[in-house]
Structures are given as C-alpha cells and as structure tokens.
C-alpha atoms as a PDB file:
ATOM      1  CA  UNK A   1       0.069  -0.046  -0.162  1.00  0.00           C
ATOM      2  CA  UNK A   2       1.469   3.525  -1.210  1.00  0.00           C
ATOM      3  CA  UNK A   3       0.344   5.529   1.983  1.00  0.00           C
ATOM      4  CA  UNK A   4       0.550   9.093   2.216  1.00  0.00           C
ATOM      5  CA  UNK A   5       2.486  11.061  -0.321  1.00  0.00           C
ATOM      6  CA  UNK A   6       3.907  14.662   0.601  1.00  0.00           C
ATOM      7  CA  UNK A   7       3.339  16.983  -2.248  1.00  0.00           C
ATOM      8  CA  UNK A   8       6.049  19.947  -1.991  1.00  0.00           C
ATOM      9  CA  UNK A   9       4.712  22.022  -4.696  1.00  0.00           C
ATOM     10  CA  UNK A  10       7.170  25.156  -4.762  1.00  0.00           C
ATOM     11  CA  UNK A  11       9.611  23.801  -2.557  1.00  0.00           C
ATOM     12  CA  UNK A  12      13.637  25.002  -3.643  1.00  0.00           C
ATOM     13  CA  UNK A  13      16.553  22.813  -3.751  1.00  0.00           C
ATOM     14  CA  UNK A  14      17.970  24.890  -0.950  1.00  0.00           C
ATOM     15  CA  UNK A  15      15.189  23.637   1.421  1.00  0.00           C
ATOM     16  CA  UNK A  16      13.996  20.571   0.201  1.00  0.00           C
ATOM     17  CA  UNK A  17      16.369  18.044   2.075  1.00  0.00           C
ATOM     18  CA  UNK A  18      15.316  19.547   5.337  1.00  0.00           C
ATOM     19  CA  UNK A  19      11.620  19.462   4.529  1.00  0.00           C
ATOM     20  CA  UNK A  20      12.048  16.004   3.424  1.00  0.00           C
ATOM     21  CA  UNK A  21      13.827  14.867   6.514  1.00  0.00           C
ATOM     22  CA  UNK A  22      11.050  16.138   8.615  1.00  0.00           C
ATOM     23  CA  UNK A  23       8.356  14.175   6.529  1.00  0.00           C
ATOM     24  CA  UNK A  24      10.538  11.103   6.842  1.00  0.00           C
ATOM     25  CA  UNK A  25      10.849  11.495  10.452  1.00  0.00           C
ATOM     26  CA  UNK A  26       6.907  11.913  10.748  1.00  0.00           C
ATOM     27  CA  UNK A  27       6.730   8.217   8.867  1.00  0.00           C
ATOM     28  CA  UNK A  28       5.775   9.654   5.392  1.00  0.00           C
ATOM     29  CA  UNK A  29       6.807   6.898   3.008  1.00  0.00           C
ATOM     30  CA  UNK A  30       6.457   9.075  -0.190  1.00  0.00           C
ATOM     31  CA  UNK A  31       7.440  12.373  -1.529  1.00  0.00           C
ATOM     32  CA  UNK A  32       6.653  13.782  -4.586  1.00  0.00           C
ATOM     33  CA  UNK A  33       8.024  17.161  -6.017  1.00  0.00           C
ATOM     34  CA  UNK A  34       6.007  18.914  -8.897  1.00  0.00           C
ATOM     35  CA  UNK A  35       7.780  19.926 -12.076  1.00  0.00           C
ATOM     36  CA  UNK A  36       6.071  23.437 -11.946  1.00  0.00           C
ATOM     37  CA  UNK A  37       8.459  24.038  -8.856  1.00  0.00           C
ATOM     38  CA  UNK A  38      11.750  25.840  -8.616  1.00  0.00           C
ATOM     39  CA  UNK A  39      14.446  23.462 -10.214  1.00  0.00           C
ATOM     40  CA  UNK A  40      12.436  20.378  -9.624  1.00  0.00           C
ATOM     41  CA  UNK A  41      14.839  17.758 -11.083  1.00  0.00           C
ATOM     42  CA  UNK A  42      17.414  19.137  -8.810  1.00  0.00           C
ATOM     43  CA  UNK A  43      15.197  18.844  -5.661  1.00  0.00           C
ATOM     44  CA  UNK A  44      14.237  15.314  -6.807  1.00  0.00           C
ATOM     45  CA  UNK A  45      17.946  14.652  -7.030  1.00  0.00           C
ATOM     46  CA  UNK A  46      18.747  15.917  -3.922  1.00  0.00           C
ATOM     47  CA  UNK A  47      15.862  13.934  -2.100  1.00  0.00           C
ATOM     48  CA  UNK A  48      16.760  10.488  -3.980  1.00  0.00           C
ATOM     49  CA  UNK A  49      20.585  11.065  -2.788  1.00  0.00           C
ATOM     50  CA  UNK A  50      19.522  11.708   0.754  1.00  0.00           C
ATOM     51  CA  UNK A  51      16.526   9.283   1.384  1.00  0.00           C
ATOM     52  CA  UNK A  52      15.866   7.227  -1.937  1.00  0.00           C
ATOM     53  CA  UNK A  53      16.839   4.022   0.174  1.00  0.00           C
ATOM     54  CA  UNK A  54      14.011   4.618   2.770  1.00  0.00           C
ATOM     55  CA  UNK A  55      11.623   6.808   0.864  1.00  0.00           C
ATOM     56  CA  UNK A  56       9.765   6.575  -2.442  1.00  0.00           C
ATOM     57  CA  UNK A  57      10.812   9.829  -4.264  1.00  0.00           C
ATOM     58  CA  UNK A  58       8.778  11.076  -7.174  1.00  0.00           C
ATOM     59  CA  UNK A  59       8.021  13.746  -9.441  1.00  0.00           C
ATOM     60  CA  UNK A  60       4.641  15.322  -9.829  1.00  0.00           C
ATOM     61  CA  UNK A  61       2.550  17.079 -12.966  1.00  0.00           C
ATOM     62  CA  UNK A  62       4.663  14.845 -15.215  1.00  0.00           C
ATOM     63  CA  UNK A  63       3.042  15.733 -18.643  1.00  0.00           C
ATOM     64  CA  UNK A  64       5.552  14.497 -21.079  1.00  0.00           C
ATOM     65  CA  UNK A  65       7.461  11.580 -21.858  1.00  0.00           C
ATOM     66  CA  UNK A  66      10.653  13.741 -22.016  1.00  0.00           C
ATOM     67  CA  UNK A  67      10.130  14.590 -18.499  1.00  0.00           C
ATOM     68  CA  UNK A  68       9.907  11.031 -17.332  1.00  0.00           C
ATOM     69  CA  UNK A  69      13.248  10.383 -18.589  1.00  0.00           C
ATOM     70  CA  UNK A  70      14.513  13.482 -16.747  1.00  0.00           C
ATOM     71  CA  UNK A  71      12.759  12.406 -13.485  1.00  0.00           C
ATOM     72  CA  UNK A  72      14.365   9.061 -13.663  1.00  0.00           C
ATOM     73  CA  UNK A  73      17.656  10.504 -14.451  1.00  0.00           C
ATOM     74  CA  UNK A  74      17.181  12.293 -11.339  1.00  0.00           C
ATOM     75  CA  UNK A  75      16.536   9.398  -9.063  1.00  0.00           C
ATOM     76  CA  UNK A  76      12.673   9.344  -9.232  1.00  0.00           C
ATOM     77  CA  UNK A  77      10.936   6.199  -8.766  1.00  0.00           C
ATOM     78  CA  UNK A  78       7.317   7.527  -8.891  1.00  0.00           C
ATOM     79  CA  UNK A  79       5.655   9.410 -11.772  1.00  0.00           C
ATOM     80  CA  UNK A  80       2.518  11.517 -10.624  1.00  0.00           C
ATOM     81  CA  UNK A  81       0.421  13.217 -13.233  1.00  0.00           C
ATOM     82  CA  UNK A  82      -2.759  15.270 -13.366  1.00  0.00           C
ATOM     83  CA  UNK A  83      -4.245  13.475 -16.230  1.00  0.00           C
ATOM     84  CA  UNK A  84      -4.058  10.261 -17.654  1.00  0.00           C
ATOM     85  CA  UNK A  85      -1.583  10.145 -20.527  1.00  0.00           C
ATOM     86  CA  UNK A  86      -1.176   6.492 -21.721  1.00  0.00           C
ATOM     87  CA  UNK A  87       1.977   7.552 -23.457  1.00  0.00           C
ATOM     88  CA  UNK A  88       3.387   8.967 -19.885  1.00  0.00           C
ATOM     89  CA  UNK A  89       1.809   5.927 -17.857  1.00  0.00           C
ATOM     90  CA  UNK A  90       3.603   3.385 -20.614  1.00  0.00           C
ATOM     91  CA  UNK A  91       6.868   5.364 -20.410  1.00  0.00           C
ATOM     92  CA  UNK A  92       7.111   5.247 -16.577  1.00  0.00           C
ATOM     93  CA  UNK A  93       6.235   1.397 -16.379  1.00  0.00           C
ATOM     94  CA  UNK A  94       8.967   1.112 -19.098  1.00  0.00           C
ATOM     95  CA  UNK A  95      11.459   2.904 -17.076  1.00  0.00           C
ATOM     96  CA  UNK A  96      10.685   0.515 -14.188  1.00  0.00           C
ATOM     97  CA  UNK A  97       8.835   3.454 -12.522  1.00  0.00           C
ATOM     98  CA  UNK A  98       5.371   3.613 -10.701  1.00  0.00           C
ATOM     99  CA  UNK A  99       2.927   5.692 -12.483  1.00  0.00           C
ATOM    100  CA  UNK A 100       0.319   7.488 -10.598  1.00  0.00           C
ATOM    101  CA  UNK A 101      -1.789   9.240 -13.204  1.00  0.00           C
ATOM    102  CA  UNK A 102      -5.076  11.435 -12.338  1.00  0.00           C
ATOM    103  CA  UNK A 103      -8.209   9.995 -13.257  1.00  0.00           C
ATOM    104  CA  UNK A 104     -11.758  11.507 -12.571  1.00  0.00           C
ATOM    105  CA  UNK A 105     -14.115   9.058 -14.224  1.00  0.00           C
ATOM    106  CA  UNK A 106     -14.285   5.250 -14.356  1.00  0.00           C
ATOM    107  CA  UNK A 107     -13.701   5.389 -18.036  1.00  0.00           C
ATOM    108  CA  UNK A 108     -10.320   7.310 -17.390  1.00  0.00           C
ATOM    109  CA  UNK A 109      -9.375   4.708 -14.581  1.00  0.00           C
ATOM    110  CA  UNK A 110      -9.864   1.593 -16.993  1.00  0.00           C
ATOM    111  CA  UNK A 111      -8.039   3.507 -19.727  1.00  0.00           C
ATOM    112  CA  UNK A 112      -5.130   4.189 -17.459  1.00  0.00           C
ATOM    113  CA  UNK A 113      -5.151   0.431 -16.568  1.00  0.00           C
ATOM    114  CA  UNK A 114      -5.343  -0.486 -19.934  1.00  0.00           C
ATOM    115  CA  UNK A 115      -1.825   1.568 -20.440  1.00  0.00           C
ATOM    116  CA  UNK A 116      -0.171  -0.244 -17.643  1.00  0.00           C
ATOM    117  CA  UNK A 117      -1.065   1.941 -14.411  1.00  0.00           C
ATOM    118  CA  UNK A 118      -1.706  -0.017 -10.866  1.00  0.00           C
ATOM    119  CA  UNK A 119      -2.014   2.954  -8.630  1.00  0.00           C
ATOM    120  CA  UNK A 120      -4.920   5.418  -9.577  1.00  0.00           C
ATOM    121  CA  UNK A 121      -4.790   9.094  -8.197  1.00  0.00           C
ATOM    122  CA  UNK A 122      -8.409  10.330  -7.805  1.00  0.00           C
ATOM    123  CA  UNK A 123      -8.147  13.866  -9.136  1.00  0.00           C
ATOM    124  CA  UNK A 124      -9.618  16.206  -7.882  1.00  0.00           C
ATOM    125  CA  UNK A 125     -10.680  13.946  -5.121  1.00  0.00           C
ATOM    126  CA  UNK A 126     -13.364  16.373  -4.014  1.00  0.00           C
ATOM    127  CA  UNK A 127     -15.221  15.997  -7.237  1.00  0.00           C
ATOM    128  CA  UNK A 128     -14.967  12.087  -7.372  1.00  0.00           C
ATOM    129  CA  UNK A 129     -16.116  11.927  -3.441  1.00  0.00           C
ATOM    130  CA  UNK A 130     -15.977   9.209  -1.330  1.00  0.00           C
ATOM    131  CA  UNK A 131     -19.062   7.765  -2.544  1.00  0.00           C
ATOM    132  CA  UNK A 132     -17.757   7.734  -5.896  1.00  0.00           C
ATOM    133  CA  UNK A 133     -14.506   6.029  -4.974  1.00  0.00           C
ATOM    134  CA  UNK A 134     -16.614   3.299  -3.125  1.00  0.00           C
ATOM    135  CA  UNK A 135     -18.264   2.797  -6.421  1.00  0.00           C
ATOM    136  CA  UNK A 136     -15.424   2.622  -8.493  1.00  0.00           C
ATOM    137  CA  UNK A 137     -13.810   0.231  -5.757  1.00  0.00           C
ATOM    138  CA  UNK A 138     -16.580  -2.350  -6.680  1.00  0.00           C
ATOM    139  CA  UNK A 139     -15.691  -2.468 -10.384  1.00  0.00           C
ATOM    140  CA  UNK A 140     -11.846  -1.932 -10.576  1.00  0.00           C
ATOM    141  CA  UNK A 141      -9.497  -4.980 -10.072  1.00  0.00           C
ATOM    142  CA  UNK A 142      -8.884  -5.526  -6.315  1.00  0.00           C
ATOM    143  CA  UNK A 143      -5.068  -4.803  -6.571  1.00  0.00           C
ATOM    144  CA  UNK A 144      -5.740  -1.177  -8.176  1.00  0.00           C
ATOM    145  CA  UNK A 145      -4.558   1.252  -5.241  1.00  0.00           C
ATOM    146  CA  UNK A 146      -7.085   4.511  -5.395  1.00  0.00           C
ATOM    147  CA  UNK A 147      -5.376   7.416  -3.862  1.00  0.00           C
ATOM    148  CA  UNK A 148      -7.439  10.778  -3.307  1.00  0.00           C
ATOM    149  CA  UNK A 149      -5.580  13.792  -4.076  1.00  0.00           C
ATOM    150  CA  UNK A 150      -7.044  17.398  -4.284  1.00  0.00           C
ATOM    151  CA  UNK A 151      -9.155  18.446  -1.322  1.00  0.00           C
ATOM    152  CA  UNK A 152      -7.835  15.776   1.048  1.00  0.00           C
ATOM    153  CA  UNK A 153      -6.931  17.380   4.753  1.00  0.00           C
ATOM    154  CA  UNK A 154      -7.081  16.760   8.581  1.00  0.00           C
ATOM    155  CA  UNK A 155     -10.793  16.903   8.682  1.00  0.00           C
ATOM    156  CA  UNK A 156     -11.697  14.419   5.830  1.00  0.00           C
ATOM    157  CA  UNK A 157      -8.384  11.733   5.798  1.00  0.00           C
ATOM    158  CA  UNK A 158      -9.914   9.507   8.145  1.00  0.00           C
ATOM    159  CA  UNK A 159     -12.940   9.081   6.013  1.00  0.00           C
ATOM    160  CA  UNK A 160     -10.958   8.510   2.809  1.00  0.00           C
ATOM    161  CA  UNK A 161      -8.907   5.890   4.758  1.00  0.00           C
ATOM    162  CA  UNK A 162     -12.039   3.988   6.188  1.00  0.00           C
ATOM    163  CA  UNK A 163     -13.545   3.962   2.999  1.00  0.00           C
ATOM    164  CA  UNK A 164     -10.566   2.148   1.394  1.00  0.00           C
ATOM    165  CA  UNK A 165      -8.079   4.877  -0.146  1.00  0.00           C
ATOM    166  CA  UNK A 166      -4.624   3.056  -0.423  1.00  0.00           C
ATOM    167  CA  UNK A 167      -3.057   6.466   0.441  1.00  0.00           C
ATOM    168  CA  UNK A 168      -3.745  10.071  -0.245  1.00  0.00           C
ATOM    169  CA  UNK A 169      -1.391  13.166  -2.010  1.00  0.00           C
ATOM    170  CA  UNK A 170      -1.184  15.983   0.622  1.00  0.00           C
ATOM    171  CA  UNK A 171      -0.217  18.936  -0.617  1.00  0.00           C
ATOM    172  CA  UNK A 172      -1.090  22.877   0.449  1.00  0.00           C
ATOM    173  CA  UNK A 173      -2.340  21.409   3.804  1.00  0.00           C
ATOM    174  CA  UNK A 174       0.987  19.948   4.604  1.00  0.00           C
ATOM    175  CA  UNK A 175       3.577  22.245   2.824  1.00  0.00           C
ATOM    176  CA  UNK A 176       3.359  25.711   1.082  1.00  0.00           C
ATOM    177  CA  UNK A 177       6.264  27.242  -0.416  1.00  0.00           C
ATOM    178  CA  UNK A 178       8.509  28.863   2.512  1.00  0.00           C
ATOM    179  CA  UNK A 179       7.120  27.033   5.384  1.00  0.00           C
ATOM    180  CA  UNK A 180      10.056  25.948   7.597  1.00  0.00           C
ATOM    181  CA  UNK A 181      10.800  22.376   8.261  1.00  0.00           C
ATOM    182  CA  UNK A 182       9.627  22.543  11.711  1.00  0.00           C
ATOM    183  CA  UNK A 183       6.473  23.642  10.639  1.00  0.00           C
ATOM    184  CA  UNK A 184       5.818  20.905   7.946  1.00  0.00           C
ATOM    185  CA  UNK A 185       7.015  18.393  10.797  1.00  0.00           C
ATOM    186  CA  UNK A 186       4.169  19.420  12.987  1.00  0.00           C
ATOM    187  CA  UNK A 187       1.568  18.918  10.122  1.00  0.00           C
ATOM    188  CA  UNK A 188       3.138  15.897   8.843  1.00  0.00           C
ATOM    189  CA  UNK A 189       3.125  14.044  12.404  1.00  0.00           C
ATOM    190  CA  UNK A 190      -0.578  14.993  12.678  1.00  0.00           C
ATOM    191  CA  UNK A 191      -1.529  13.382   9.276  1.00  0.00           C
ATOM    192  CA  UNK A 192       0.454  10.475  10.159  1.00  0.00           C
ATOM    193  CA  UNK A 193      -1.272   9.907  13.231  1.00  0.00           C
ATOM    194  CA  UNK A 194      -4.633  10.109  11.529  1.00  0.00           C
ATOM    195  CA  UNK A 195      -3.666   7.748   9.106  1.00  0.00           C
ATOM    196  CA  UNK A 196      -2.362   5.019  11.405  1.00  0.00           C
ATOM    197  CA  UNK A 197      -5.090   5.457  13.726  1.00  0.00           C
ATOM    198  CA  UNK A 198      -7.526   2.145  14.124  1.00  0.00           C
END
C-alpha cells in the first residue's frame, strides 16, 4: 500500500532536504516534487540521494515522456500526473517506475489501467467523492490502488482511509512554499497519526 504522499509544490533545492527529513521522521513513505516547482529535477535528485533508500521519491505534474526520462535520471521512482496520458504511463512503466495517473471518471480509470497503471490518483478527489471512490472500488480490479488528491486534509483523511483509500496526496495542507521544516514536521505528524489510527 502506498500510504501518504507529501506533495511539495513550490519547494526549492535549498530547503528540500530539510523538509524531506521532517517528513521521513514523521513516517511519510513517499515525497513528490511537482515539476512546476523551482528547479524540480534538482530537488528530486537531492531527495533521492538523501532518502531514496528509505522513501519513494517522485516527480509530479509530469505531462510528457521527456520529463519521465528526466525524472528517472534524477532518481525518481514515482511519476505522478494530473491526467491519464497513456504515453506517460507507458514510459514510466517501461522505465521501471510507478505511475500515478490522475483520473476523474471510471472511463479514465480503465484507460489508465489499459496503459499499465496500477495506482490511480483520484483528482480532484473532492469531485469524485468518497461515495464515488466506493463505487469505483466495486468495479476495478482488487489490486488497483486508489489515492485521493485535491481536497484531502485533516478533516477528512480518516474518512477516506476508512472508505478504502490506499493512501492520499497531501499538498497545501501539509506544505506551502516558504514553510519551515519545523512547521511541516508538526503537520506531518498530525497526518501520520490520523492515517495510522485504528
């Protein structure tokens, strides 16, 4: 199971290792650097070098097969996208990486599976809803992971988990550009406690 993915949109290379360390200490198993952040491939490389043996490092907002290759060269193991481009999914699989394509309908979900994905990012999660995810769960193969992203926060993470989410992507509720590692650590621990509660 994937678990919680920290989405560090806007993070800079100068701060990424400090923030990454705080996330790792809080028990986060995965960190994503969106490609619309400053020098994203450098941040991915720094995270992969520092924590790649203990944490899944990924690139997010990946829209092209070229960026899949650049992310892999930087040390990324996950490719996260807001959409379900079959070429990006296939390129990630071919490179030995795990794609997390964004899907918002069952049709998009099955198209992503046909392209080779086995982990689906429900995006925006607020539009799909917990009820929608449960309905999808009834028709998708059991081994497929569903991870809500967009609108997931401390008020509803437990409900998503209880409904069968295999993880969740946490963005601005966890990290905003300029946040200190200490501030991120406090939020990360809170989310980790919510996720691991019985």
